[in-house]
Amino acid sequence: MNLISRIGQHFQDSAQTKLVASAMLAPRIADAVEAMVGCLLGNGKILACGNGGSAADAQHFAAELVGRFEMERQGLAAIALSTDTSIMTAIGNDYGFKAIFDKQVRALGQPGDVLLAISTSGNSANVIEAIHAAHDNDLRVVALTGKGGGEIAELLLDSDVHICVPSERTARIQEVHLLTIHCLCDGIDGLLLGVEE
């Protein structure tokens, strides 16, 4: 195995996936930014959830909003639902792993809030349950998926935003999800702070 060549191929594949995704996803990312800014201006909050790498992405997103992305500003209301181990293990123990986000969305979500639901496959059962809870409580959903969107694609309402990476490879999907999160953060800051183009 030529390790250097293999590493170089990852860079090439990642760049190509991002270029293909750019034209397709930019309008949807813009819609998501506008939905999130509307939520925040209405004194709402953004709840974010996902498993594994997607849990890390949810935490990354919340950290950028509560802290800062690239510009100084007041902290923005965002909560990653994958961070409180006591809540997650209590719910998982009493109700099952499938309910760990659902129960939190029902407890913390208010009408006008946004749920950022991240699932590489689009088939994560606990993220799907969180989307049901969001719809039941009048939250708008922004879904980050790949692999065609899976079951999540079938659940979303016309008012929701689906950002589905055009790839079947988990690593490539996760790479585009991270870039999308940075685009969301930049767009939110740009709209809220009135940044000139």
Protein backbone atom coordinates (compact mmCIF):
# COMPACT_ATOMS: atom_id res chain seq x y z
CA MET A 1 0.00 0.00 0.00
CA ASN A 2 1.29 3.44 -0.94
CA LEU A 3 0.29 5.42 2.15
CA ILE A 4 1.11 8.84 0.67
CA SER A 5 -1.01 8.12 -2.38
CA ARG A 6 -3.86 6.84 -0.24
CA ILE A 7 -3.82 9.98 1.92
CA GLY A 8 -3.71 12.16 -1.19
CA GLN A 9 -6.76 10.33 -2.54
CA HIS A 10 -8.71 11.19 0.62
CA PHE A 11 -7.95 14.87 0.07
CA GLN A 12 -8.99 14.63 -3.58
CA ASP A 13 -12.21 12.77 -2.76
CA SER A 14 -13.08 15.22 -0.01
CA ALA A 15 -12.50 18.23 -2.25
CA GLN A 16 -14.54 16.70 -5.07
CA THR A 17 -17.45 15.86 -2.76
CA LYS A 18 -17.46 19.41 -1.41
CA LEU A 19 -17.42 20.92 -4.90
CA VAL A 20 -20.35 18.77 -6.01
CA ALA A 21 -22.24 19.53 -2.80
CA SER A 22 -21.63 23.28 -2.99
CA ALA A 23 -24.03 24.12 -5.80
CA MET A 24 -26.64 21.67 -4.57
CA LEU A 25 -26.59 22.57 -0.88
CA ALA A 26 -25.85 26.31 -0.77
CA PRO A 27 -29.51 27.38 -1.21
CA ARG A 28 -30.62 24.94 1.50
CA ILE A 29 -27.91 26.09 3.87
CA ALA A 30 -29.05 29.68 3.25
CA ASP A 31 -32.63 28.63 4.11
CA ALA A 32 -31.36 27.03 7.31
CA VAL A 33 -29.43 30.18 8.26
CA GLU A 34 -32.57 32.29 7.79
CA ALA A 35 -34.64 29.86 9.86
CA MET A 36 -32.09 29.89 12.67
CA VAL A 37 -31.71 33.67 12.65
CA GLY A 38 -35.50 34.07 12.75
CA CYS A 39 -35.59 31.72 15.72
CA LEU A 40 -32.83 33.57 17.58
CA LEU A 41 -34.33 37.01 16.87
CA GLY A 42 -37.60 35.71 18.29
CA ASN A 43 -35.82 34.81 21.56
CA GLY A 44 -35.82 31.14 20.64
CA LYS A 45 -33.04 28.61 20.88
CA ILE A 46 -31.49 25.93 18.74
CA LEU A 47 -31.35 22.36 20.03
CA ALA A 48 -28.84 20.08 18.30
CA CYS A 49 -28.55 16.30 18.38
CA GLY A 50 -26.73 13.39 16.77
CA ASN A 51 -24.77 10.23 17.61
CA GLY A 52 -21.03 9.60 17.55
CA GLY A 53 -19.35 11.99 15.12
CA SER A 54 -22.70 13.71 14.66
CA ALA A 55 -22.89 14.24 18.45
CA ALA A 56 -19.50 15.94 18.22
CA ASP A 57 -20.84 18.10 15.37
CA ALA A 58 -23.87 19.06 17.48
CA GLN A 59 -21.56 20.07 20.32
CA HIS A 60 -19.27 21.96 17.94
CA PHE A 61 -22.23 23.92 16.57
CA ALA A 62 -23.57 24.81 20.01
CA ALA A 63 -20.10 25.86 21.18
CA GLU A 64 -19.67 28.21 18.22
CA LEU A 65 -23.03 29.87 18.93
CA VAL A 66 -22.78 30.15 22.71
CA GLY A 67 -19.14 31.27 22.50
CA ARG A 68 -18.22 32.77 19.18
CA PHE A 69 -17.39 31.70 15.66
CA GLU A 70 -15.09 34.26 14.01
CA MET A 71 -16.55 37.56 15.21
CA GLU A 72 -17.18 38.99 18.65
CA ARG A 73 -20.83 39.09 19.58
CA GLN A 74 -23.20 38.25 22.39
CA GLY A 75 -23.62 34.52 22.98
CA LEU A 76 -26.52 32.88 21.17
CA ALA A 77 -28.93 30.31 22.63
CA ALA A 78 -27.94 26.80 21.54
CA ILE A 79 -27.90 23.48 23.39
CA ALA A 80 -26.29 20.22 22.31
CA LEU A 81 -28.52 17.42 23.59
CA SER A 82 -25.62 14.96 23.57
CA THR A 83 -23.66 16.59 26.40
CA ASP A 84 -25.45 15.83 29.67
CA THR A 85 -24.48 12.27 30.55
CA SER A 86 -26.75 12.18 33.61
CA ILE A 87 -29.81 13.09 31.55
CA MET A 88 -28.89 10.75 28.69
CA THR A 89 -28.13 7.77 30.92
CA ALA A 90 -31.23 8.32 33.07
CA ILE A 91 -33.48 8.49 30.01
CA GLY A 92 -31.64 5.61 28.33
CA ASN A 93 -31.97 3.47 31.42
CA ASP A 94 -35.63 4.25 32.08
CA TYR A 95 -37.01 4.60 28.55
CA GLY A 96 -34.37 3.20 26.17
CA PHE A 97 -31.66 4.77 24.01
CA LYS A 98 -34.22 5.68 21.37
CA ALA A 99 -35.73 8.28 23.73
CA ILE A 100 -32.58 10.17 24.80
CA PHE A 101 -33.21 13.15 22.50
CA ASP A 102 -37.00 12.91 22.27
CA LYS A 103 -37.46 13.48 26.01
CA GLN A 104 -35.08 16.45 25.96
CA VAL A 105 -36.79 18.08 22.98
CA ARG A 106 -40.16 17.69 24.70
CA ALA A 107 -38.79 19.17 27.95
CA LEU A 108 -36.71 22.01 26.52
CA GLY A 109 -38.21 22.83 23.13
CA GLN A 110 -40.72 25.64 22.70
CA PRO A 111 -42.72 26.68 19.64
CA GLY A 112 -40.46 28.72 17.38
CA ASP A 113 -37.27 26.93 18.41
CA VAL A 114 -35.20 25.00 15.86
CA LEU A 115 -33.94 21.42 16.08
CA LEU A 116 -30.68 20.73 14.27
CA ALA A 117 -30.94 16.96 13.66
CA ILE A 118 -27.74 15.33 12.41
CA SER A 119 -27.61 11.77 11.06
CA THR A 120 -25.10 10.61 8.46
CA SER A 121 -27.40 7.78 7.33
CA GLY A 122 -30.70 9.54 7.93
CA ASN A 123 -31.81 6.46 9.87
CA SER A 124 -30.75 7.13 13.48
CA ALA A 125 -33.73 6.03 15.58
CA ASN A 126 -33.17 8.50 18.41
CA VAL A 127 -32.76 11.42 15.97
CA ILE A 128 -35.96 10.35 14.22
CA GLU A 129 -37.78 10.39 17.58
CA ALA A 130 -36.37 13.87 18.25
CA ILE A 131 -37.83 15.05 14.93
CA HIS A 132 -41.24 13.66 15.91
CA ALA A 133 -40.99 15.52 19.23
CA ALA A 134 -39.97 18.71 17.43
CA HIS A 135 -42.96 18.53 15.11
CA ASP A 136 -45.30 17.80 18.03
CA ASN A 137 -44.03 20.92 19.79
CA ASP A 138 -43.96 23.27 16.77
CA LEU A 139 -40.19 23.40 16.33
CA ARG A 140 -38.77 23.79 12.86
CA VAL A 141 -36.25 21.10 11.87
CA VAL A 142 -32.97 21.53 10.03
CA ALA A 143 -31.73 18.04 9.14
CA LEU A 144 -28.17 17.23 8.09
CA THR A 145 -28.03 13.81 6.43
CA GLY A 146 -26.36 11.87 3.63
CA LYS A 147 -26.92 8.61 1.74
CA GLY A 148 -30.16 9.92 0.24
CA GLY A 149 -31.59 11.08 3.57
CA GLY A 150 -32.90 7.73 4.79
CA GLU A 151 -36.07 7.71 6.92
CA ILE A 152 -35.53 11.31 7.95
CA ALA A 153 -36.15 12.50 4.39
CA GLU A 154 -39.65 11.00 4.60
CA LEU A 155 -40.48 12.70 7.93
CA LEU A 156 -39.64 16.29 7.13
CA LEU A 157 -42.32 18.91 6.58
CA ASP A 158 -42.33 21.57 3.87
CA SER A 159 -41.34 24.12 6.51
CA ASP A 160 -38.26 22.08 7.49
CA VAL A 161 -34.87 22.29 5.76
CA HIS A 162 -33.12 19.14 4.54
CA ILE A 163 -29.41 19.39 3.82
CA CYS A 164 -28.52 16.00 2.35
CA VAL A 165 -24.90 15.47 1.30
CA PRO A 166 -24.71 13.78 -2.13
CA SER A 167 -22.46 10.93 -1.02
CA GLU A 168 -22.66 7.36 0.29
CA ARG A 169 -19.35 7.50 2.19
CA THR A 170 -19.66 8.28 5.88
CA ALA A 171 -16.33 10.12 6.08
CA ARG A 172 -17.17 12.38 3.13
CA ILE A 173 -20.64 13.11 4.53
CA GLN A 174 -19.21 14.03 7.91
CA GLU A 175 -16.64 16.32 6.28
CA VAL A 176 -19.38 18.18 4.43
CA HIS A 177 -21.47 18.32 7.62
CA LEU A 178 -18.60 20.10 9.38
CA LEU A 179 -18.25 22.58 6.52
CA THR A 180 -22.02 23.10 6.59
CA ILE A 181 -21.89 23.85 10.32
CA HIS A 182 -19.22 26.47 9.68
CA CYS A 183 -21.38 27.95 6.89
CA LEU A 184 -24.35 28.07 9.28
CA CYS A 185 -22.28 29.83 11.96
CA ASP A 186 -20.84 32.31 9.47
CA GLY A 187 -24.26 33.00 7.97
CA ILE A 188 -25.89 33.50 11.36
CA ASP A 189 -23.16 35.94 12.40
CA GLY A 190 -23.35 37.72 9.06
CA LEU A 191 -27.10 38.28 9.25
CA LEU A 192 -27.17 39.19 12.93
CA LEU A 193 -24.20 41.56 12.74
CA GLY A 194 -25.08 43.02 9.34
CA VAL A 195 -21.76 42.04 7.77
CA GLU A 196 -21.20 43.49 4.31
CA GLU A 197 -20.51 41.04 1.48
